[in-house]
Amino acid sequence: MKSRSREIWDIFQAFLWLGLTSFGGPIAHLGYFRDEFVEKRKWLSDKQYADLVALCQFLPGPASSQVGMAIGLLRAEFIGSFAAWFGFTLPSALLMLGFAYGFDALSGQSMGSVLHGLKIVAVAVVAQAVWGMAKNLCPDRLRITIMVLVCSLTLLFPSAYAQIIVLFCAGIIGLILCKPERENVSYDALPVPYNGIIGLILLSIFFISLLGLVLAILLWPSVILAQIEAFYRSGAMIFGGGHVILPLLREAIVVPGWVDNNTFLAGYGIAQALPGPLTTFAAFLGASMKQGLHGWLGGLVGLIMIFIPSFLLVTGALPFWSKLQNYRNTRAALMGINAAVVGLLVAALYNPLWQSTILQPADFVLSLLAFTALVFWRVPVVLVVLLCGMGAWLITGII
C-alpha cells in the first residue's frame, strides 16, 4: 500500500508528463487519459472513465482538465485533484507566460507576418471545431435552427450577458422540444471520498462566488476586481469545450480594452501549438493586460480564476452524477445547450476571427489549406502552426 505522499507524487508525475506531451486539444487529451489511467495504470474501469467524461461534458468548463481533476480526486482526495491539475497545466501555463513577456519584442515586419500566420491558424482551428461539433451536436433541423438563432443573436447583440441568456434559453428549448432516447445503463460506482452534503457546499460556493463578484463590482468599482470577475465568469461559462473560451474571453477581456485584439488573436494562435489545456490562454491574457493586473501576477490570477469554477463544479457534482445523467430531462436540456455552443463558435469564427484576419485572398488561401490539413489530412496542429507562420512570412515577402 503506497503512502499518501507517494500517491500524490505519482499523480503529479503522470499528469506532468501528459501536460508535456498531450498535443491535439481536448478530445485528444481524453484519449491520452484513457490510455494512461484505464489501460496502463488501471486506476479506473472503462465504465467509470466514461462516467467521468460524461459528467465533464455536461458541466461548463474545459472537459479534459475537469476529467484530470476528477481522476486525481478519486485517487487521493482534494490534494490529488490539485496535483493532477497542477501537473497537467504547468507546462503550457509557463510557455504562455513566456510568450506574453516576449510579445512586445516581436515588433518587426517579419515577426508581424508570423503573428498574422498564427491568427490564420486560429481561423482554421475554430473552423475545424465548428465542423466537428456541428456534425455531432446539430444533426437535426431543430438543433440546426437553435445554432443559427444563437449565432445571429450573438452577432447582433454582442455582450457576455447576452451569451448567458441565449445558453439558458437554448437549454429551455431543448428541455421542451428535444427527445433524447431512453437509456438503461449500468454504472460502476465512482469511489467519491465525500458525501452529497460536501458536494452541495462546493456547488454553493461556485454560485455564491459568481454572484458575489458581480455584486462586489457594483459596490466597490475596481479594474482589478472586474478583471478577476471576468476570468471567473468566463471559466464558469465554457460549455462545449475549450474553444468556446474564444468568444467568452474576447468579450470579457478585449472589449473593455485590457488587451488589444491583435495580441488576443496571436496568443490564441500560439496556444493551439502547445500541449496541455487550451485554457492556459488565460495566463497569457492576464500577463498581457496593460492596466490593473499584469505581468506574472496577472497571469497567475487569470489562470487560477478561470480554473476555480471547473474545480468547484466537478467536485460538487460528482456525488450526484450517476443518478442525474439518467434523467431524460437533463439530457434534453443539454442537447439544446450544445447546439447553442456551436452557434457561439460560428459567431466567433466570423467576429473577431474572420473580420480581423482574412484581409486578402492569400490569407483565405492559407486558412483554407490549414483547415484542409487539420480536418482531412489529420496533420498535427503544431506542424500546421509552424507551416502557417512560415507561409505568412513568405507571402509578405512575395506580395
Protein backbone atom coordinates (compact mmCIF):
# COMPACT_ATOMS: atom_id res chain seq x y z
CA MET A 1 0.00 0.00 0.00
CA LYS A 2 1.53 3.31 -1.08
CA SER A 3 1.85 6.22 1.33
CA ARG A 4 -0.34 9.27 0.69
CA SER A 5 2.67 11.43 -0.25
CA ARG A 6 3.86 8.79 -2.75
CA GLU A 7 0.37 8.54 -4.22
CA ILE A 8 0.21 12.31 -4.71
CA TRP A 9 3.68 12.35 -6.27
CA ASP A 10 2.62 9.60 -8.71
CA ILE A 11 -0.45 11.64 -9.70
CA PHE A 12 1.64 14.77 -10.25
CA GLN A 13 4.26 12.93 -12.32
CA ALA A 14 1.67 11.21 -14.51
CA PHE A 15 -0.16 14.45 -15.28
CA LEU A 16 3.05 16.45 -15.74
CA TRP A 17 4.11 14.01 -18.45
CA LEU A 18 0.69 14.36 -20.08
CA GLY A 19 0.96 18.16 -19.83
CA LEU A 20 4.26 17.98 -21.72
CA THR A 21 3.15 15.53 -24.42
CA SER A 22 -0.62 15.74 -24.97
CA PHE A 23 -0.97 17.75 -28.17
CA GLY A 24 -4.18 17.90 -30.17
CA GLY A 25 -6.85 19.53 -28.00
CA PRO A 26 -9.47 18.29 -25.51
CA ILE A 27 -10.69 15.25 -27.46
CA ALA A 28 -7.13 14.03 -27.93
CA HIS A 29 -6.44 14.67 -24.23
CA LEU A 30 -9.30 12.36 -23.26
CA GLY A 31 -7.75 9.66 -25.42
CA TYR A 32 -4.38 10.12 -23.73
CA PHE A 33 -6.07 9.95 -20.30
CA ARG A 34 -7.87 6.72 -21.11
CA ASP A 35 -4.67 5.11 -22.35
CA GLU A 36 -2.76 6.20 -19.23
CA PHE A 37 -5.28 5.69 -16.43
CA VAL A 38 -7.57 2.94 -17.75
CA GLU A 39 -5.27 0.82 -19.90
CA LYS A 40 -1.85 1.27 -18.29
CA ARG A 41 -2.33 2.20 -14.63
CA LYS A 42 -5.76 0.56 -14.08
CA TRP A 43 -6.86 3.41 -11.81
CA LEU A 44 -10.37 3.33 -13.35
CA SER A 45 -12.56 0.90 -15.23
CA ASP A 46 -13.80 1.78 -18.69
CA LYS A 47 -17.30 2.42 -17.33
CA GLN A 48 -16.01 4.66 -14.57
CA TYR A 49 -13.93 6.64 -17.03
CA ALA A 50 -16.90 7.02 -19.38
CA ASP A 51 -18.93 8.22 -16.41
CA LEU A 52 -16.37 10.93 -15.64
CA VAL A 53 -16.18 12.04 -19.27
CA ALA A 54 -19.98 12.28 -19.46
CA LEU A 55 -20.06 14.44 -16.32
CA CYS A 56 -17.38 16.81 -17.59
CA GLN A 57 -19.04 17.11 -20.99
CA PHE A 58 -22.26 18.04 -19.21
CA LEU A 59 -20.72 20.70 -16.96
CA PRO A 60 -19.36 24.05 -18.14
CA GLY A 61 -15.59 24.18 -18.10
CA PRO A 62 -12.65 22.61 -20.01
CA ALA A 63 -13.60 18.94 -20.12
CA SER A 64 -10.12 17.42 -20.23
CA SER A 65 -8.88 19.46 -17.26
CA GLN A 66 -12.02 18.55 -15.31
CA VAL A 67 -11.56 14.84 -16.05
CA GLY A 68 -7.98 15.16 -14.80
CA MET A 69 -9.13 16.89 -11.61
CA ALA A 70 -11.73 14.16 -11.04
CA ILE A 71 -9.21 11.34 -11.56
CA GLY A 72 -6.84 12.95 -9.06
CA LEU A 73 -9.67 13.44 -6.57
CA LEU A 74 -10.86 9.83 -6.79
CA ARG A 75 -7.27 8.68 -6.31
CA ALA A 76 -6.12 10.94 -3.44
CA GLU A 77 -8.98 13.25 -2.46
CA PHE A 78 -8.71 17.04 -2.87
CA ILE A 79 -4.91 17.22 -2.73
CA GLY A 80 -4.83 14.62 -5.51
CA SER A 81 -7.15 16.80 -7.59
CA PHE A 82 -4.79 19.75 -7.16
CA ALA A 83 -1.75 17.62 -8.03
CA ALA A 84 -3.43 16.45 -11.26
CA TRP A 85 -4.41 19.99 -12.28
CA PHE A 86 -1.01 21.45 -11.39
CA GLY A 87 0.93 18.82 -13.31
CA PHE A 88 -1.25 18.95 -16.42
CA THR A 89 -1.43 22.77 -16.51
CA LEU A 90 2.10 23.80 -15.52
CA PRO A 91 3.99 23.28 -18.85
CA SER A 92 1.61 25.18 -21.13
CA ALA A 93 0.99 27.88 -18.47
CA LEU A 94 4.72 28.61 -18.24
CA LEU A 95 5.05 28.68 -22.02
CA MET A 96 2.09 31.06 -22.37
CA LEU A 97 3.55 33.38 -19.69
CA GLY A 98 6.88 33.36 -21.51
CA PHE A 99 5.18 34.20 -24.79
CA ALA A 100 3.34 37.10 -23.13
CA TYR A 101 6.61 38.55 -21.84
CA GLY A 102 8.25 38.21 -25.26
CA PHE A 103 5.30 39.50 -27.26
CA ASP A 104 6.31 43.18 -27.24
CA ALA A 105 9.72 42.24 -28.61
CA LEU A 106 8.09 40.71 -31.70
CA SER A 107 7.60 44.04 -33.43
CA GLY A 108 9.43 43.76 -36.74
CA GLN A 109 7.70 43.26 -40.07
CA SER A 110 8.85 39.65 -40.36
CA MET A 111 7.63 38.74 -36.89
CA GLY A 112 4.41 40.65 -37.55
CA SER A 113 3.86 38.36 -40.54
CA VAL A 114 4.48 35.28 -38.41
CA LEU A 115 1.99 36.52 -35.80
CA HIS A 116 -0.54 37.07 -38.58
CA GLY A 117 0.07 33.46 -39.56
CA LEU A 118 -0.82 32.42 -36.00
CA LYS A 119 -4.11 34.30 -36.32
CA ILE A 120 -4.79 32.42 -39.57
CA VAL A 121 -4.19 29.16 -37.66
CA ALA A 122 -6.81 30.28 -35.14
CA VAL A 123 -9.32 30.71 -38.01
CA ALA A 124 -8.62 27.17 -39.23
CA VAL A 125 -8.73 25.62 -35.74
CA VAL A 126 -12.06 27.25 -34.83
CA ALA A 127 -13.47 26.27 -38.24
CA GLN A 128 -12.35 22.70 -37.51
CA ALA A 129 -14.09 22.83 -34.12
CA VAL A 130 -17.29 24.15 -35.74
CA TRP A 131 -17.13 21.44 -38.41
CA GLY A 132 -16.72 18.57 -35.93
CA MET A 133 -19.11 19.87 -33.28
CA ALA A 134 -21.86 20.73 -35.78
CA LYS A 135 -21.85 17.19 -37.16
CA ASN A 136 -22.17 15.69 -33.68
CA LEU A 137 -24.29 18.27 -31.85
CA CYS A 138 -26.57 19.63 -34.60
CA PRO A 139 -27.70 16.53 -36.52
CA ASP A 140 -31.35 17.58 -36.99
CA ARG A 141 -33.40 20.61 -38.07
CA LEU A 142 -34.30 21.69 -34.55
CA ARG A 143 -30.73 21.87 -33.32
CA ILE A 144 -29.51 23.46 -36.57
CA THR A 145 -32.18 26.13 -36.04
CA ILE A 146 -31.03 26.69 -32.44
CA MET A 147 -27.45 27.05 -33.69
CA VAL A 148 -28.39 29.61 -36.35
CA LEU A 149 -30.56 31.65 -33.97
CA VAL A 150 -27.87 31.73 -31.30
CA CYS A 151 -25.22 32.74 -33.84
CA SER A 152 -27.45 35.53 -35.17
CA LEU A 153 -28.37 36.87 -31.73
CA THR A 154 -24.76 36.77 -30.57
CA LEU A 155 -23.60 38.81 -33.56
CA LEU A 156 -26.48 41.30 -33.36
CA PHE A 157 -26.32 41.74 -29.56
CA PRO A 158 -22.67 41.21 -28.57
CA SER A 159 -22.31 41.01 -24.81
CA ALA A 160 -21.26 38.44 -22.26
CA TYR A 161 -24.66 38.56 -20.58
CA ALA A 162 -26.44 38.03 -23.90
CA GLN A 163 -24.40 34.82 -24.31
CA ILE A 164 -25.53 33.63 -20.88
CA ILE A 165 -29.16 34.38 -21.74
CA VAL A 166 -29.07 32.54 -25.09
CA LEU A 167 -27.45 29.48 -23.49
CA PHE A 168 -30.17 29.43 -20.83
CA CYS A 169 -32.93 29.83 -23.44
CA ALA A 170 -31.39 27.08 -25.57
CA GLY A 171 -31.49 24.77 -22.55
CA ILE A 172 -35.20 25.55 -22.05
CA ILE A 173 -35.93 24.90 -25.74
CA GLY A 174 -34.04 21.61 -25.54
CA LEU A 175 -35.94 20.63 -22.40
CA ILE A 176 -39.28 21.24 -24.15
CA LEU A 177 -38.61 20.10 -27.72
CA CYS A 178 -35.65 17.70 -27.78
CA LYS A 179 -36.41 14.00 -27.38
CA PRO A 180 -33.38 12.00 -26.21
CA GLU A 181 -33.51 8.24 -26.50
CA ARG A 182 -34.22 6.25 -23.39
CA GLU A 183 -31.14 4.71 -21.86
CA ASN A 184 -30.81 1.93 -19.34
CA VAL A 185 -27.14 1.97 -18.45
CA SER A 186 -25.39 0.24 -15.58
CA TYR A 187 -22.60 2.14 -13.83
CA ASP A 188 -19.59 1.14 -11.81
CA ALA A 189 -19.83 3.18 -8.64
CA LEU A 190 -17.31 6.01 -8.55
CA PRO A 191 -15.32 6.00 -5.29
CA VAL A 192 -16.16 9.60 -4.37
CA PRO A 193 -14.44 10.28 -1.00
CA TYR A 194 -17.21 12.51 0.41
CA ASN A 195 -21.00 12.69 0.52
CA GLY A 196 -23.65 14.84 -1.10
CA ILE A 197 -23.55 17.45 1.67
CA ILE A 198 -19.95 18.34 0.77
CA GLY A 199 -21.00 18.38 -2.89
CA LEU A 200 -23.79 20.85 -2.16
CA ILE A 201 -21.38 23.07 -0.22
CA LEU A 202 -18.95 23.14 -3.17
CA LEU A 203 -21.73 23.93 -5.66
CA SER A 204 -23.00 26.68 -3.34
CA ILE A 205 -19.51 28.23 -3.22
CA PHE A 206 -19.50 28.25 -7.04
CA PHE A 207 -22.80 30.13 -7.33
CA ILE A 208 -22.14 32.46 -4.38
CA SER A 209 -18.74 33.40 -5.87
CA LEU A 210 -20.27 34.01 -9.30
CA LEU A 211 -22.97 36.32 -7.95
CA GLY A 212 -20.79 37.77 -5.19
CA LEU A 213 -18.14 39.03 -7.61
CA VAL A 214 -20.80 40.83 -9.67
CA LEU A 215 -22.25 42.46 -6.54
CA ALA A 216 -18.77 43.40 -5.30
CA ILE A 217 -18.04 45.26 -8.55
CA LEU A 218 -21.31 47.18 -8.21
CA LEU A 219 -20.50 48.16 -4.62
CA TRP A 220 -16.76 48.74 -5.00
CA PRO A 221 -15.92 49.51 -8.66
CA SER A 222 -12.36 48.42 -9.40
CA VAL A 223 -10.46 47.42 -12.54
CA ILE A 224 -8.69 44.58 -10.71
CA LEU A 225 -11.95 43.26 -9.26
CA ALA A 226 -13.58 43.49 -12.71
CA GLN A 227 -10.69 41.51 -14.22
CA ILE A 228 -10.97 38.80 -11.56
CA GLU A 229 -14.73 38.57 -12.21
CA ALA A 230 -14.16 38.42 -15.98
CA PHE A 231 -11.85 35.40 -15.73
CA TYR A 232 -14.11 33.64 -13.20
CA ARG A 233 -17.24 34.25 -15.29
CA SER A 234 -15.51 33.02 -18.44
CA GLY A 235 -14.41 29.83 -16.68
CA ALA A 236 -17.95 29.30 -15.43
CA MET A 237 -19.47 29.53 -18.93
CA ILE A 238 -17.25 27.31 -21.10
CA PHE A 239 -19.94 24.94 -22.37
CA GLY A 240 -18.83 22.55 -25.09
CA GLY A 241 -15.05 22.52 -24.73
CA GLY A 242 -12.04 24.79 -24.62
CA HIS A 243 -12.61 26.52 -27.95
CA VAL A 244 -15.71 28.22 -26.54
CA ILE A 245 -13.30 30.25 -24.43
CA LEU A 246 -12.59 32.39 -27.50
CA PRO A 247 -15.86 34.40 -27.65
CA LEU A 248 -16.18 34.47 -23.87
CA LEU A 249 -12.71 35.82 -23.16
CA ARG A 250 -12.79 38.24 -26.07
CA GLU A 251 -15.97 39.78 -24.72
CA ALA A 252 -14.58 39.80 -21.17
CA ILE A 253 -11.01 40.99 -21.82
CA VAL A 254 -10.74 42.66 -25.24
CA VAL A 255 -13.96 44.69 -25.27
CA PRO A 256 -13.05 46.60 -22.04
CA GLY A 257 -9.69 47.44 -23.64
CA TRP A 258 -7.43 45.48 -21.27
CA VAL A 259 -5.82 43.55 -24.17
CA ASP A 260 -5.91 44.60 -27.84
CA ASN A 261 -7.47 42.34 -30.46
CA ASN A 262 -4.23 41.55 -32.33
CA THR A 263 -2.49 40.43 -29.13
CA PHE A 264 -5.53 38.34 -28.20
CA LEU A 265 -5.69 36.50 -31.52
CA ALA A 266 -1.93 35.94 -31.76
CA GLY A 267 -1.93 34.45 -28.25
CA TYR A 268 -4.85 32.21 -29.15
CA GLY A 269 -2.96 31.09 -32.24
CA ILE A 270 0.16 30.07 -30.32
CA ALA A 271 -1.98 28.28 -27.72
CA GLN A 272 -3.04 25.87 -30.46
CA ALA A 273 0.53 24.64 -30.85
CA LEU A 274 1.13 23.86 -27.18
CA PRO A 275 0.44 20.64 -25.28
CA GLY A 276 -1.92 20.64 -22.33
CA PRO A 277 -5.14 22.58 -21.77
CA LEU A 278 -6.08 25.43 -24.11
CA THR A 279 -7.47 27.30 -21.10
CA THR A 280 -3.94 28.32 -20.08
CA PHE A 281 -4.54 31.04 -22.68
CA ALA A 282 -5.84 32.93 -19.63
CA ALA A 283 -2.26 33.12 -18.28
CA PHE A 284 -1.17 34.88 -21.48
CA LEU A 285 -4.06 37.33 -21.28
CA GLY A 286 -3.54 38.12 -17.60
CA ALA A 287 0.16 38.79 -18.18
CA SER A 288 -0.56 40.92 -21.29
CA MET A 289 -3.05 43.34 -19.70
CA LYS A 290 -1.89 46.97 -19.68
CA GLN A 291 -3.87 48.16 -16.66
CA GLY A 292 -4.93 46.63 -13.37
CA LEU A 293 -3.50 43.13 -13.19
CA HIS A 294 -0.49 42.49 -15.46
CA GLY A 295 2.80 40.62 -15.68
CA TRP A 296 3.34 37.33 -13.90
CA LEU A 297 0.83 38.22 -11.17
CA GLY A 298 -1.88 38.95 -13.74
CA GLY A 299 -1.08 35.68 -15.49
CA LEU A 300 -1.27 33.72 -12.24
CA VAL A 301 -4.55 35.33 -11.16
CA GLY A 302 -6.11 34.81 -14.61
CA LEU A 303 -5.04 31.16 -14.64
CA ILE A 304 -6.35 30.41 -11.14
CA MET A 305 -9.64 32.27 -11.55
CA ILE A 306 -10.53 30.61 -14.84
CA PHE A 307 -9.99 27.12 -13.37
CA ILE A 308 -11.67 27.60 -9.96
CA PRO A 309 -15.22 27.22 -11.41
CA SER A 310 -14.20 23.94 -13.05
CA PHE A 311 -12.88 22.56 -9.78
CA LEU A 312 -15.95 23.61 -7.78
CA LEU A 313 -18.39 22.27 -10.37
CA VAL A 314 -16.80 18.88 -10.98
CA THR A 315 -16.11 18.16 -7.30
CA GLY A 316 -19.56 19.42 -6.33
CA ALA A 317 -21.41 17.37 -8.96
CA LEU A 318 -19.52 14.07 -8.58
CA PRO A 319 -21.66 12.68 -5.71
CA PHE A 320 -24.87 13.18 -7.73
CA TRP A 321 -23.86 12.37 -11.29
CA SER A 322 -24.72 8.69 -11.65
CA LYS A 323 -28.37 9.42 -10.88
CA LEU A 324 -28.65 12.78 -12.61
CA GLN A 325 -27.40 11.72 -16.04
CA ASN A 326 -30.09 9.03 -16.28
CA TYR A 327 -32.89 11.64 -16.30
CA ARG A 328 -34.21 12.33 -19.80
CA ASN A 329 -34.87 15.99 -18.97
CA THR A 330 -31.20 16.54 -18.15
CA ARG A 331 -30.11 15.09 -21.47
CA ALA A 332 -32.78 17.05 -23.37
CA ALA A 333 -31.65 20.41 -21.91
CA LEU A 334 -28.05 19.52 -22.68
CA MET A 335 -28.94 18.85 -26.33
CA GLY A 336 -30.22 22.43 -26.68
CA ILE A 337 -27.22 23.93 -24.86
CA ASN A 338 -24.74 22.02 -27.01
CA ALA A 339 -26.40 23.27 -30.20
CA ALA A 340 -26.19 26.81 -28.81
CA VAL A 341 -22.48 26.34 -28.14
CA VAL A 342 -21.93 25.60 -31.83
CA GLY A 343 -23.76 28.85 -32.64
CA LEU A 344 -21.42 30.78 -30.32
CA LEU A 345 -18.42 29.30 -32.12
CA VAL A 346 -19.82 30.18 -35.56
CA ALA A 347 -20.28 33.77 -34.36
CA ALA A 348 -16.69 33.85 -33.04
CA LEU A 349 -15.44 32.46 -36.35
CA TYR A 350 -16.93 35.50 -38.11
CA ASN A 351 -16.18 38.12 -35.45
CA PRO A 352 -13.41 38.58 -34.41
CA LEU A 353 -11.51 35.88 -36.31
CA TRP A 354 -12.56 36.28 -39.93
CA GLN A 355 -13.06 40.05 -39.90
CA SER A 356 -9.67 40.83 -38.38
CA THR A 357 -7.59 38.09 -40.03
CA ILE A 358 -8.74 37.33 -43.59
CA LEU A 359 -7.69 40.61 -45.20
CA GLN A 360 -6.65 39.45 -48.68
CA PRO A 361 -7.05 36.41 -50.96
CA ALA A 362 -3.71 34.98 -49.81
CA ASP A 363 -4.98 34.89 -46.21
CA PHE A 364 -8.05 32.96 -47.29
CA VAL A 365 -5.92 30.50 -49.29
CA LEU A 366 -3.62 29.89 -46.32
CA SER A 367 -6.54 29.40 -43.92
CA LEU A 368 -8.23 27.02 -46.37
CA LEU A 369 -5.04 24.97 -46.68
CA ALA A 370 -4.68 24.88 -42.90
CA PHE A 371 -8.30 23.78 -42.47
CA THR A 372 -7.86 21.03 -45.08
CA ALA A 373 -4.67 19.83 -43.42
CA LEU A 374 -6.33 19.67 -39.99
CA VAL A 375 -9.67 18.13 -40.97
CA PHE A 376 -8.95 15.86 -43.91
CA TRP A 377 -5.23 15.06 -43.69
CA ARG A 378 -5.09 14.91 -39.86
CA VAL A 379 -1.86 16.91 -39.79
CA PRO A 380 -0.78 17.65 -36.16
CA VAL A 381 -1.75 21.13 -35.01
CA VAL A 382 1.82 22.01 -34.03
CA LEU A 383 3.01 21.34 -37.59
CA VAL A 384 0.14 23.40 -39.07
CA VAL A 385 1.11 26.29 -36.78
CA LEU A 386 4.72 26.18 -37.97
CA LEU A 387 3.73 25.95 -41.64
CA CYS A 388 1.25 28.82 -41.37
CA GLY A 389 3.82 31.02 -39.68
CA MET A 390 6.31 30.30 -42.46
CA GLY A 391 3.62 30.70 -45.13
CA ALA A 392 2.55 34.13 -43.86
CA TRP A 393 6.21 35.23 -43.73
CA LEU A 394 6.77 34.08 -47.32
CA ILE A 395 3.55 35.75 -48.53
CA THR A 396 4.70 39.05 -47.01
CA GLY A 397 7.95 38.82 -48.96
CA ILE A 398 6.24 37.94 -52.25
CA ILE A 399 3.13 40.15 -52.30
